[in-house]
N, C-alpha and C. Protein backbone atom coordinates (compact mmCIF):
# COMPACT_ATOMS: atom_id res chain seq x y z
N MET A 1 -85.82 -70.96 3.38
CA MET A 1 -84.95 -69.80 3.44
C MET A 1 -84.16 -69.72 2.13
N ALA A 2 -84.12 -68.57 1.54
CA ALA A 2 -83.40 -68.38 0.27
C ALA A 2 -82.22 -67.44 0.47
N TYR A 3 -81.20 -67.64 -0.34
CA TYR A 3 -80.03 -66.77 -0.34
C TYR A 3 -79.43 -66.80 -1.74
N LEU A 4 -78.40 -66.01 -1.97
CA LEU A 4 -77.77 -65.94 -3.29
C LEU A 4 -76.39 -66.58 -3.27
N ARG A 5 -76.11 -67.39 -4.28
CA ARG A 5 -74.76 -67.91 -4.49
C ARG A 5 -74.11 -67.02 -5.53
N GLU A 6 -72.91 -66.58 -5.25
CA GLU A 6 -72.22 -65.66 -6.15
C GLU A 6 -70.95 -66.27 -6.71
N ASP A 7 -70.59 -65.82 -7.89
CA ASP A 7 -69.31 -66.18 -8.49
C ASP A 7 -68.82 -64.94 -9.23
N LYS A 8 -67.53 -64.66 -9.13
CA LYS A 8 -66.95 -63.50 -9.80
C LYS A 8 -65.69 -63.92 -10.54
N GLU A 9 -65.52 -63.36 -11.72
CA GLU A 9 -64.34 -63.61 -12.55
C GLU A 9 -63.87 -62.28 -13.13
N ASN A 10 -62.57 -62.10 -13.17
CA ASN A 10 -61.96 -60.98 -13.87
C ASN A 10 -60.96 -61.58 -14.86
N ILE A 11 -61.18 -61.28 -16.14
CA ILE A 11 -60.39 -61.91 -17.19
C ILE A 11 -59.83 -60.83 -18.10
N GLU A 12 -58.56 -60.95 -18.47
CA GLU A 12 -57.99 -60.10 -19.50
C GLU A 12 -58.07 -60.85 -20.81
N VAL A 13 -58.69 -60.22 -21.81
CA VAL A 13 -58.92 -60.84 -23.10
C VAL A 13 -58.11 -60.11 -24.16
N SER A 14 -57.45 -60.85 -25.01
CA SER A 14 -56.58 -60.26 -26.04
C SER A 14 -57.36 -59.90 -27.30
N TYR A 15 -58.42 -59.15 -27.12
CA TYR A 15 -59.23 -58.64 -28.22
C TYR A 15 -59.64 -57.22 -27.89
N PRO A 16 -59.86 -56.38 -28.91
CA PRO A 16 -60.36 -55.03 -28.65
C PRO A 16 -61.77 -55.08 -28.05
N ILE A 17 -62.11 -54.05 -27.30
CA ILE A 17 -63.39 -54.02 -26.60
C ILE A 17 -64.57 -54.12 -27.57
N LYS A 18 -64.48 -53.47 -28.73
CA LYS A 18 -65.59 -53.50 -29.69
C LYS A 18 -65.84 -54.91 -30.21
N ALA A 19 -64.79 -55.67 -30.47
CA ALA A 19 -64.96 -57.03 -30.97
C ALA A 19 -65.67 -57.91 -29.93
N ILE A 20 -65.30 -57.77 -28.67
CA ILE A 20 -65.94 -58.55 -27.61
C ILE A 20 -67.38 -58.10 -27.42
N TRP A 21 -67.59 -56.79 -27.37
CA TRP A 21 -68.93 -56.25 -27.16
C TRP A 21 -69.89 -56.70 -28.25
N ASP A 22 -69.43 -56.72 -29.49
CA ASP A 22 -70.27 -57.15 -30.61
C ASP A 22 -70.56 -58.65 -30.60
N THR A 23 -69.71 -59.43 -29.94
CA THR A 23 -69.87 -60.89 -29.91
C THR A 23 -70.70 -61.37 -28.72
N ILE A 24 -70.81 -60.59 -27.67
CA ILE A 24 -71.57 -61.00 -26.48
C ILE A 24 -73.00 -61.40 -26.82
N PRO A 25 -73.77 -60.61 -27.60
CA PRO A 25 -75.15 -61.03 -27.90
C PRO A 25 -75.21 -62.38 -28.64
N LYS A 26 -74.24 -62.67 -29.46
CA LYS A 26 -74.20 -63.95 -30.18
C LYS A 26 -73.96 -65.10 -29.20
N ALA A 27 -73.07 -64.88 -28.24
CA ALA A 27 -72.80 -65.92 -27.24
C ALA A 27 -74.04 -66.17 -26.38
N VAL A 28 -74.72 -65.10 -25.99
CA VAL A 28 -75.94 -65.22 -25.17
C VAL A 28 -77.01 -65.99 -25.96
N ALA A 29 -77.17 -65.66 -27.24
CA ALA A 29 -78.15 -66.35 -28.08
C ALA A 29 -77.80 -67.83 -28.24
N ASN A 30 -76.51 -68.13 -28.43
CA ASN A 30 -76.09 -69.54 -28.56
C ASN A 30 -76.40 -70.35 -27.31
N LEU A 31 -76.34 -69.73 -26.17
CA LEU A 31 -76.63 -70.41 -24.90
C LEU A 31 -78.12 -70.47 -24.59
N GLY A 32 -78.92 -69.74 -25.36
CA GLY A 32 -80.36 -69.72 -25.11
C GLY A 32 -80.75 -68.84 -23.93
N TRP A 33 -79.88 -67.90 -23.59
CA TRP A 33 -80.15 -66.99 -22.50
C TRP A 33 -80.74 -65.70 -23.03
N GLU A 34 -80.99 -64.73 -22.13
CA GLU A 34 -81.65 -63.49 -22.53
C GLU A 34 -80.93 -62.28 -21.96
N ILE A 35 -80.70 -61.28 -22.81
CA ILE A 35 -80.12 -60.02 -22.34
C ILE A 35 -81.25 -59.19 -21.72
N GLN A 36 -81.07 -58.80 -20.46
CA GLN A 36 -82.06 -58.00 -19.74
C GLN A 36 -81.79 -56.51 -19.90
N LYS A 37 -80.52 -56.11 -19.79
CA LYS A 37 -80.11 -54.71 -19.92
C LYS A 37 -78.80 -54.66 -20.69
N GLN A 38 -78.66 -53.60 -21.48
CA GLN A 38 -77.42 -53.44 -22.23
C GLN A 38 -77.15 -51.95 -22.38
N ASP A 39 -75.96 -51.52 -21.98
CA ASP A 39 -75.57 -50.11 -22.09
C ASP A 39 -74.33 -50.03 -22.97
N ASP A 40 -74.51 -49.53 -24.19
CA ASP A 40 -73.41 -49.44 -25.14
C ASP A 40 -72.35 -48.41 -24.73
N ASN A 41 -72.73 -47.42 -23.94
CA ASN A 41 -71.78 -46.39 -23.52
C ASN A 41 -70.82 -46.88 -22.45
N THR A 42 -71.35 -47.63 -21.47
CA THR A 42 -70.51 -48.09 -20.36
C THR A 42 -70.03 -49.53 -20.56
N HIS A 43 -70.47 -50.17 -21.63
CA HIS A 43 -70.15 -51.58 -21.90
C HIS A 43 -70.53 -52.47 -20.72
N HIS A 44 -71.78 -52.31 -20.30
CA HIS A 44 -72.34 -53.10 -19.20
C HIS A 44 -73.54 -53.87 -19.75
N VAL A 45 -73.61 -55.15 -19.44
CA VAL A 45 -74.74 -55.97 -19.88
C VAL A 45 -75.17 -56.87 -18.73
N GLU A 46 -76.48 -57.08 -18.62
CA GLU A 46 -77.04 -57.99 -17.62
C GLU A 46 -77.79 -59.09 -18.36
N ILE A 47 -77.50 -60.32 -17.98
CA ILE A 47 -78.01 -61.50 -18.68
C ILE A 47 -78.76 -62.38 -17.70
N LYS A 48 -79.89 -62.90 -18.14
CA LYS A 48 -80.67 -63.88 -17.36
C LYS A 48 -80.44 -65.25 -18.00
N THR A 49 -79.92 -66.19 -17.22
CA THR A 49 -79.69 -67.54 -17.73
C THR A 49 -80.92 -68.40 -17.49
N LYS A 50 -80.96 -69.53 -18.13
CA LYS A 50 -82.06 -70.47 -17.90
C LYS A 50 -81.78 -71.27 -16.63
N GLY A 51 -82.84 -71.69 -16.00
CA GLY A 51 -82.71 -72.58 -14.85
C GLY A 51 -82.54 -74.01 -15.33
N ALA A 52 -82.36 -74.89 -14.40
CA ALA A 52 -82.23 -76.32 -14.70
C ALA A 52 -83.05 -77.09 -13.67
N PHE A 53 -83.05 -78.40 -13.76
CA PHE A 53 -83.78 -79.21 -12.81
C PHE A 53 -83.31 -78.89 -11.39
N LEU A 54 -84.22 -78.51 -10.53
CA LEU A 54 -83.95 -78.14 -9.15
C LEU A 54 -82.99 -76.97 -9.00
N SER A 55 -82.97 -76.04 -9.97
CA SER A 55 -82.18 -74.84 -9.79
C SER A 55 -82.82 -73.68 -10.53
N TYR A 56 -82.60 -72.51 -10.02
CA TYR A 56 -83.11 -71.29 -10.62
C TYR A 56 -82.10 -70.77 -11.63
N GLY A 57 -82.53 -69.88 -12.51
CA GLY A 57 -81.61 -69.21 -13.42
C GLY A 57 -80.75 -68.21 -12.66
N SER A 58 -79.66 -67.82 -13.28
CA SER A 58 -78.74 -66.86 -12.68
C SER A 58 -78.90 -65.50 -13.34
N MET A 59 -78.50 -64.46 -12.63
CA MET A 59 -78.35 -63.12 -13.20
C MET A 59 -76.86 -62.89 -13.33
N MET A 60 -76.42 -62.60 -14.53
CA MET A 60 -75.02 -62.39 -14.80
C MET A 60 -74.82 -60.94 -15.23
N LYS A 61 -73.84 -60.28 -14.64
CA LYS A 61 -73.51 -58.89 -14.99
C LYS A 61 -72.09 -58.89 -15.55
N ILE A 62 -71.95 -58.26 -16.71
CA ILE A 62 -70.65 -58.22 -17.37
C ILE A 62 -70.29 -56.77 -17.65
N ASP A 63 -69.06 -56.40 -17.28
CA ASP A 63 -68.54 -55.07 -17.55
C ASP A 63 -67.23 -55.20 -18.30
N LEU A 64 -67.10 -54.45 -19.40
CA LEU A 64 -65.88 -54.46 -20.18
C LEU A 64 -65.16 -53.13 -19.99
N THR A 65 -63.84 -53.21 -19.84
CA THR A 65 -63.00 -52.03 -19.68
C THR A 65 -61.78 -52.19 -20.57
N PRO A 66 -61.50 -51.21 -21.43
CA PRO A 66 -60.31 -51.34 -22.27
C PRO A 66 -59.03 -51.16 -21.45
N ILE A 67 -58.07 -52.03 -21.68
CA ILE A 67 -56.75 -51.88 -21.06
C ILE A 67 -55.85 -51.14 -22.03
N ASN A 68 -55.87 -51.57 -23.28
CA ASN A 68 -55.20 -50.86 -24.37
C ASN A 68 -55.97 -51.19 -25.65
N GLU A 69 -55.43 -50.87 -26.80
CA GLU A 69 -56.16 -51.07 -28.06
C GLU A 69 -56.51 -52.52 -28.33
N LYS A 70 -55.67 -53.44 -27.86
CA LYS A 70 -55.86 -54.85 -28.20
C LYS A 70 -56.25 -55.73 -27.01
N THR A 71 -56.37 -55.16 -25.83
CA THR A 71 -56.65 -55.95 -24.63
C THR A 71 -57.82 -55.33 -23.86
N THR A 72 -58.71 -56.20 -23.38
CA THR A 72 -59.89 -55.76 -22.65
C THR A 72 -60.01 -56.54 -21.35
N LYS A 73 -60.39 -55.84 -20.28
CA LYS A 73 -60.69 -56.50 -19.01
C LYS A 73 -62.18 -56.80 -18.99
N MET A 74 -62.52 -58.05 -18.72
CA MET A 74 -63.92 -58.46 -18.63
C MET A 74 -64.20 -58.89 -17.19
N SER A 75 -65.09 -58.16 -16.53
CA SER A 75 -65.49 -58.49 -15.16
C SER A 75 -66.87 -59.13 -15.22
N ILE A 76 -66.97 -60.33 -14.68
CA ILE A 76 -68.23 -61.07 -14.69
C ILE A 76 -68.62 -61.38 -13.25
N SER A 77 -69.85 -61.05 -12.90
CA SER A 77 -70.38 -61.47 -11.60
C SER A 77 -71.73 -62.13 -11.87
N ALA A 78 -71.97 -63.22 -11.17
CA ALA A 78 -73.22 -63.96 -11.35
C ALA A 78 -73.79 -64.32 -9.99
N GLU A 79 -75.12 -64.26 -9.91
CA GLU A 79 -75.83 -64.61 -8.68
C GLU A 79 -76.95 -65.58 -9.03
N THR A 80 -77.10 -66.60 -8.21
CA THR A 80 -78.17 -67.56 -8.37
C THR A 80 -78.92 -67.68 -7.06
N PRO A 81 -80.26 -67.48 -7.07
CA PRO A 81 -81.02 -67.70 -5.84
C PRO A 81 -81.05 -69.20 -5.51
N VAL A 82 -80.86 -69.48 -4.24
CA VAL A 82 -80.80 -70.86 -3.78
C VAL A 82 -81.67 -70.99 -2.54
N THR A 83 -82.38 -72.10 -2.44
CA THR A 83 -83.15 -72.39 -1.23
C THR A 83 -82.53 -73.60 -0.55
N THR A 84 -83.00 -73.91 0.63
CA THR A 84 -82.46 -75.08 1.34
C THR A 84 -82.74 -76.36 0.55
N ILE A 85 -83.82 -76.37 -0.20
CA ILE A 85 -84.16 -77.56 -0.99
C ILE A 85 -83.25 -77.69 -2.21
N THR A 86 -82.96 -76.57 -2.88
CA THR A 86 -82.17 -76.62 -4.11
C THR A 86 -80.67 -76.49 -3.89
N SER A 87 -80.23 -76.21 -2.67
CA SER A 87 -78.82 -75.91 -2.43
C SER A 87 -77.87 -77.04 -2.84
N MET A 88 -78.22 -78.27 -2.59
CA MET A 88 -77.32 -79.38 -2.96
C MET A 88 -77.32 -79.62 -4.47
N ALA A 89 -78.48 -79.59 -5.09
CA ALA A 89 -78.56 -79.82 -6.53
C ALA A 89 -77.95 -78.66 -7.31
N ASP A 90 -77.97 -77.48 -6.72
CA ASP A 90 -77.49 -76.29 -7.41
C ASP A 90 -76.01 -76.01 -7.18
N TYR A 91 -75.36 -76.74 -6.31
CA TYR A 91 -73.98 -76.42 -5.95
C TYR A 91 -73.10 -76.39 -7.21
N GLY A 92 -72.45 -75.27 -7.46
CA GLY A 92 -71.53 -75.13 -8.58
C GLY A 92 -72.17 -74.67 -9.88
N ARG A 93 -73.49 -74.54 -9.92
CA ARG A 93 -74.15 -74.14 -11.18
C ARG A 93 -73.80 -72.72 -11.58
N THR A 94 -73.64 -71.82 -10.63
CA THR A 94 -73.31 -70.45 -10.96
C THR A 94 -71.97 -70.40 -11.67
N LYS A 95 -70.99 -71.10 -11.14
CA LYS A 95 -69.66 -71.16 -11.76
C LYS A 95 -69.73 -71.82 -13.13
N GLU A 96 -70.52 -72.89 -13.25
CA GLU A 96 -70.68 -73.56 -14.54
C GLU A 96 -71.25 -72.62 -15.59
N ARG A 97 -72.18 -71.78 -15.19
CA ARG A 97 -72.79 -70.84 -16.14
C ARG A 97 -71.80 -69.76 -16.57
N VAL A 98 -70.99 -69.28 -15.65
CA VAL A 98 -69.95 -68.32 -16.01
C VAL A 98 -68.96 -68.98 -16.97
N ASP A 99 -68.54 -70.19 -16.66
CA ASP A 99 -67.61 -70.92 -17.52
C ASP A 99 -68.21 -71.19 -18.90
N ALA A 100 -69.50 -71.52 -18.94
CA ALA A 100 -70.17 -71.76 -20.22
C ALA A 100 -70.19 -70.50 -21.07
N PHE A 101 -70.45 -69.36 -20.44
CA PHE A 101 -70.44 -68.10 -21.18
C PHE A 101 -69.05 -67.79 -21.72
N VAL A 102 -68.05 -67.89 -20.87
CA VAL A 102 -66.68 -67.58 -21.29
C VAL A 102 -66.24 -68.54 -22.41
N GLY A 103 -66.55 -69.81 -22.28
CA GLY A 103 -66.19 -70.79 -23.30
C GLY A 103 -66.87 -70.52 -24.63
N THR A 104 -68.16 -70.20 -24.59
CA THR A 104 -68.90 -69.89 -25.81
C THR A 104 -68.37 -68.62 -26.46
N LEU A 105 -68.10 -67.61 -25.66
CA LEU A 105 -67.55 -66.36 -26.18
C LEU A 105 -66.18 -66.60 -26.82
N ALA A 106 -65.35 -67.40 -26.17
CA ALA A 106 -64.02 -67.70 -26.71
C ALA A 106 -64.11 -68.42 -28.05
N LYS A 107 -65.02 -69.37 -28.17
CA LYS A 107 -65.19 -70.10 -29.44
C LYS A 107 -65.60 -69.15 -30.56
N LEU A 108 -66.54 -68.25 -30.25
CA LEU A 108 -66.99 -67.30 -31.26
C LEU A 108 -65.89 -66.31 -31.63
N MET A 109 -65.10 -65.88 -30.65
CA MET A 109 -64.00 -64.94 -30.93
C MET A 109 -62.92 -65.61 -31.77
N ASN A 110 -62.62 -66.86 -31.48
CA ASN A 110 -61.60 -67.59 -32.25
C ASN A 110 -62.05 -67.91 -33.66
N ALA A 111 -63.37 -67.96 -33.87
CA ALA A 111 -63.90 -68.26 -35.21
C ALA A 111 -63.79 -67.06 -36.15
N LYS A 112 -63.54 -65.89 -35.61
CA LYS A 112 -63.46 -64.67 -36.43
C LYS A 112 -62.19 -64.64 -37.24
């Protein structure tokens, strides 16, 4: 039996939306993941992560919304398919992948 494990994060980032949007592909490339869909008008991107031993890859959806000129809201939702066999080995991987993305993005933003 398979089901989806979900994780959601809403983060306010002290950078303009364009700076974050331009850095997302670099963060995805650094992690070795793949952009599946990208909409420059709505600032929506869907990312496929790599799987690991006894776990499937996750689908991550990111939406950016400007709060003001210097602050952006980043909404991240991630889903990982899990089976009864992989459920114990996979516990927490979805959250780890979201955290890895946010950490990598933060490093790249701070390097600017």
